[in-house]
Amino acid sequence: MSNRNVRVSELLKREISDILHTRYQQRSVALTITDVEVSPDHSRARVYYSSLVDGYDRIKAENFLQASAGRIRHELGKRIILKRMPALEFLYDESNERGARMTTLLDSLEFTEDEPED
């Protein structure tokens, strides 16, 4: 990924997070924007989100974000000057859940020391 794409991705991540937590505060209070991947031509952006609250309704969050994508993109256009504002695609990021499962599995393992053979 080019240096420009990295900067645009980080800028979009920060601004989308700010929009969600100021304009859509009640509906997005439990959501966290974890990453943004911008295509090389800046026509599309994949926005990865997760929830830090156990039991948060993932389907409702996905529906809300997909329905709000156009309004969020419009708001981004007011805040950021880019030649082309990317279309937003919201995807759930399961890395936090996977990490928690791995930690649980590792914690459940019993490590035994092998005795050296004489």
C-alpha atoms as a PDB file:
ATOM      1  CA  MET A   1       0.000   0.000   0.000  1.00  0.00           C
ATOM      2  CA  SER A   2       1.377   3.390  -0.942  1.00  0.00           C
ATOM      3  CA  ASN A   3       2.161   6.055   1.604  1.00  0.00           C
ATOM      4  CA  ARG A   4      -0.725   8.186   0.309  1.00  0.00           C
ATOM      5  CA  ASN A   5      -3.200   5.319   0.710  1.00  0.00           C
ATOM      6  CA  VAL A   6      -2.033   4.797   4.279  1.00  0.00           C
ATOM      7  CA  ARG A   7      -2.555   8.482   5.083  1.00  0.00           C
ATOM      8  CA  VAL A   8      -5.991   8.544   3.406  1.00  0.00           C
ATOM      9  CA  SER A   9      -6.994   5.355   5.251  1.00  0.00           C
ATOM     10  CA  GLU A  10      -5.994   6.787   8.622  1.00  0.00           C
ATOM     11  CA  LEU A  11      -7.754  10.075   7.883  1.00  0.00           C
ATOM     12  CA  LEU A  12     -10.957   8.272   6.876  1.00  0.00           C
ATOM     13  CA  LYS A  13     -10.770   6.066   9.965  1.00  0.00           C
ATOM     14  CA  ARG A  14     -10.475   9.084  12.259  1.00  0.00           C
ATOM     15  CA  GLU A  15     -13.207  11.091  10.542  1.00  0.00           C
ATOM     16  CA  ILE A  16     -15.701   8.208  10.246  1.00  0.00           C
ATOM     17  CA  SER A  17     -15.215   7.442  13.923  1.00  0.00           C
ATOM     18  CA  ASP A  18     -15.780  11.101  14.784  1.00  0.00           C
ATOM     19  CA  ILE A  19     -18.935  11.280  12.635  1.00  0.00           C
ATOM     20  CA  LEU A  20     -20.369   8.135  14.216  1.00  0.00           C
ATOM     21  CA  HIS A  21     -19.689   9.290  17.752  1.00  0.00           C
ATOM     22  CA  THR A  22     -20.986  12.832  17.306  1.00  0.00           C
ATOM     23  CA  ARG A  23     -23.888  12.627  14.841  1.00  0.00           C
ATOM     24  CA  TYR A  24     -25.040   9.050  15.545  1.00  0.00           C
ATOM     25  CA  GLN A  25     -24.039   8.857  19.171  1.00  0.00           C
ATOM     26  CA  GLN A  26     -26.935   6.757  20.492  1.00  0.00           C
ATOM     27  CA  ARG A  27     -26.780   4.131  17.747  1.00  0.00           C
ATOM     28  CA  SER A  28     -23.016   3.811  17.530  1.00  0.00           C
ATOM     29  CA  VAL A  29     -21.861   4.188  21.109  1.00  0.00           C
ATOM     30  CA  ALA A  30     -20.688   0.548  21.247  1.00  0.00           C
ATOM     31  CA  LEU A  31     -19.008   0.557  17.827  1.00  0.00           C
ATOM     32  CA  THR A  32     -15.317   1.019  17.155  1.00  0.00           C
ATOM     33  CA  ILE A  33     -13.786   1.626  13.747  1.00  0.00           C
ATOM     34  CA  THR A  34     -10.789  -0.704  13.694  1.00  0.00           C
ATOM     35  CA  ASP A  35      -9.397  -0.232  10.198  1.00  0.00           C
ATOM     36  CA  VAL A  36     -10.021   1.298   6.776  1.00  0.00           C
ATOM     37  CA  GLU A  37      -8.610  -0.110   3.543  1.00  0.00           C
ATOM     38  CA  VAL A  38      -8.763   2.219   0.552  1.00  0.00           C
ATOM     39  CA  SER A  39      -8.481   0.877  -2.996  1.00  0.00           C
ATOM     40  CA  PRO A  40      -5.496   2.185  -5.009  1.00  0.00           C
ATOM     41  CA  ASP A  41      -7.733   4.450  -7.136  1.00  0.00           C
ATOM     42  CA  HIS A  42      -9.654   5.684  -4.030  1.00  0.00           C
ATOM     43  CA  SER A  43     -12.997   4.591  -5.467  1.00  0.00           C
ATOM     44  CA  ARG A  44     -13.820   2.205  -2.619  1.00  0.00           C
ATOM     45  CA  ALA A  45     -13.052   1.968   1.071  1.00  0.00           C
ATOM     46  CA  ARG A  46     -13.627  -1.037   3.267  1.00  0.00           C
ATOM     47  CA  VAL A  47     -14.393   0.132   6.785  1.00  0.00           C
ATOM     48  CA  TYR A  48     -13.895  -2.522   9.463  1.00  0.00           C
ATOM     49  CA  TYR A  49     -15.753  -2.122  12.745  1.00  0.00           C
ATOM     50  CA  SER A  50     -16.163  -4.085  15.939  1.00  0.00           C
ATOM     51  CA  SER A  51     -18.060  -3.855  19.173  1.00  0.00           C
ATOM     52  CA  LEU A  52     -16.449  -3.826  22.564  1.00  0.00           C
ATOM     53  CA  VAL A  53     -19.745  -4.656  24.266  1.00  0.00           C
ATOM     54  CA  ASP A  54     -20.638  -8.334  24.724  1.00  0.00           C
ATOM     55  CA  GLY A  55     -24.001  -9.232  23.269  1.00  0.00           C
ATOM     56  CA  TYR A  56     -24.177  -6.189  21.003  1.00  0.00           C
ATOM     57  CA  ASP A  57     -26.556  -6.930  18.134  1.00  0.00           C
ATOM     58  CA  ARG A  58     -24.252  -7.287  15.158  1.00  0.00           C
ATOM     59  CA  ILE A  59     -27.084  -7.455  12.596  1.00  0.00           C
ATOM     60  CA  LYS A  60     -28.609  -4.184  13.792  1.00  0.00           C
ATOM     61  CA  ALA A  61     -25.201  -2.520  13.668  1.00  0.00           C
ATOM     62  CA  GLU A  62     -24.570  -3.802  10.150  1.00  0.00           C
ATOM     63  CA  ASN A  63     -27.987  -2.626   8.940  1.00  0.00           C
ATOM     64  CA  PHE A  64     -27.488   0.778  10.555  1.00  0.00           C
ATOM     65  CA  LEU A  65     -24.057   1.277   9.008  1.00  0.00           C
ATOM     66  CA  GLN A  66     -25.122   0.135   5.535  1.00  0.00           C
ATOM     67  CA  ALA A  67     -28.172   2.411   5.658  1.00  0.00           C
ATOM     68  CA  SER A  68     -26.062   5.343   6.881  1.00  0.00           C
ATOM     69  CA  ALA A  69     -23.144   4.850   4.469  1.00  0.00           C
ATOM     70  CA  GLY A  70     -24.390   7.514   2.039  1.00  0.00           C
ATOM     71  CA  ARG A  71     -24.933  10.109   4.765  1.00  0.00           C
ATOM     72  CA  ILE A  72     -21.552   9.334   6.314  1.00  0.00           C
ATOM     73  CA  ARG A  73     -19.883   9.655   2.897  1.00  0.00           C
ATOM     74  CA  HIS A  74     -21.647  12.990   2.354  1.00  0.00           C
ATOM     75  CA  GLU A  75     -20.425  14.249   5.734  1.00  0.00           C
ATOM     76  CA  LEU A  76     -16.903  13.077   4.887  1.00  0.00           C
ATOM     77  CA  GLY A  77     -17.102  15.121   1.686  1.00  0.00           C
ATOM     78  CA  LYS A  78     -17.734  18.233   3.775  1.00  0.00           C
ATOM     79  CA  ARG A  79     -14.776  17.532   6.081  1.00  0.00           C
ATOM     80  CA  ILE A  80     -12.146  16.126   3.701  1.00  0.00           C
ATOM     81  CA  ILE A  81     -10.976  17.443   0.357  1.00  0.00           C
ATOM     82  CA  LEU A  82     -10.188  14.504  -1.920  1.00  0.00           C
ATOM     83  CA  LYS A  83     -10.296  14.225  -5.684  1.00  0.00           C
ATOM     84  CA  ARG A  84     -12.584  11.212  -5.324  1.00  0.00           C
ATOM     85  CA  MET A  85     -14.506  10.355  -2.166  1.00  0.00           C
ATOM     86  CA  PRO A  86     -14.568   6.557  -1.875  1.00  0.00           C
ATOM     87  CA  ALA A  87     -17.766   4.548  -1.600  1.00  0.00           C
ATOM     88  CA  LEU A  88     -17.958   3.031   1.871  1.00  0.00           C
ATOM     89  CA  GLU A  89     -18.418  -0.659   2.571  1.00  0.00           C
ATOM     90  CA  PHE A  90     -18.778  -1.616   6.234  1.00  0.00           C
ATOM     91  CA  LEU A  91     -17.513  -5.026   7.337  1.00  0.00           C
ATOM     92  CA  TYR A  92     -17.513  -6.571  10.790  1.00  0.00           C
ATOM     93  CA  ASP A  93     -13.994  -7.159  12.150  1.00  0.00           C
ATOM     94  CA  GLU A  94     -13.817 -10.448  14.020  1.00  0.00           C
ATOM     95  CA  SER A  95     -10.160 -10.138  15.028  1.00  0.00           C
ATOM     96  CA  ASN A  96     -10.980  -9.088  18.621  1.00  0.00           C
ATOM     97  CA  GLU A  97     -13.249 -12.104  19.085  1.00  0.00           C
ATOM     98  CA  ARG A  98     -10.678 -14.429  17.518  1.00  0.00           C
ATOM     99  CA  GLY A  99      -7.985 -13.012  19.789  1.00  0.00           C
ATOM    100  CA  ALA A 100     -10.148 -13.521  22.864  1.00  0.00           C
ATOM    101  CA  ARG A 101     -10.879 -17.123  21.840  1.00  0.00           C
ATOM    102  CA  MET A 102      -7.170 -17.811  21.296  1.00  0.00           C
ATOM    103  CA  THR A 103      -6.323 -16.336  24.690  1.00  0.00           C
ATOM    104  CA  THR A 104      -8.977 -18.512  26.324  1.00  0.00           C
ATOM    105  CA  LEU A 105      -7.651 -21.600  24.562  1.00  0.00           C
ATOM    106  CA  LEU A 106      -4.084 -20.827  25.552  1.00  0.00           C
ATOM    107  CA  ASP A 107      -5.110 -20.195  29.147  1.00  0.00           C
ATOM    108  CA  SER A 108      -6.937 -23.522  29.272  1.00  0.00           C
ATOM    109  CA  LEU A 109      -3.878 -25.505  28.218  1.00  0.00           C
ATOM    110  CA  GLU A 110      -1.808 -27.053  30.934  1.00  0.00           C
ATOM    111  CA  PHE A 111       1.866 -26.756  30.303  1.00  0.00           C
ATOM    112  CA  THR A 112       4.007 -29.523  31.699  1.00  0.00           C
ATOM    113  CA  GLU A 113       7.748 -29.517  31.731  1.00  0.00           C
ATOM    114  CA  ASP A 114       9.365 -32.421  30.032  1.00  0.00           C
ATOM    115  CA  GLU A 115      11.827 -34.134  32.293  1.00  0.00           C
ATOM    116  CA  PRO A 116      15.247 -34.496  30.730  1.00  0.00           C
ATOM    117  CA  GLU A 117      16.194 -38.033  29.845  1.00  0.00           C
ATOM    118  CA  ASP A 118      19.382 -39.409  31.363  1.00  0.00           C
END
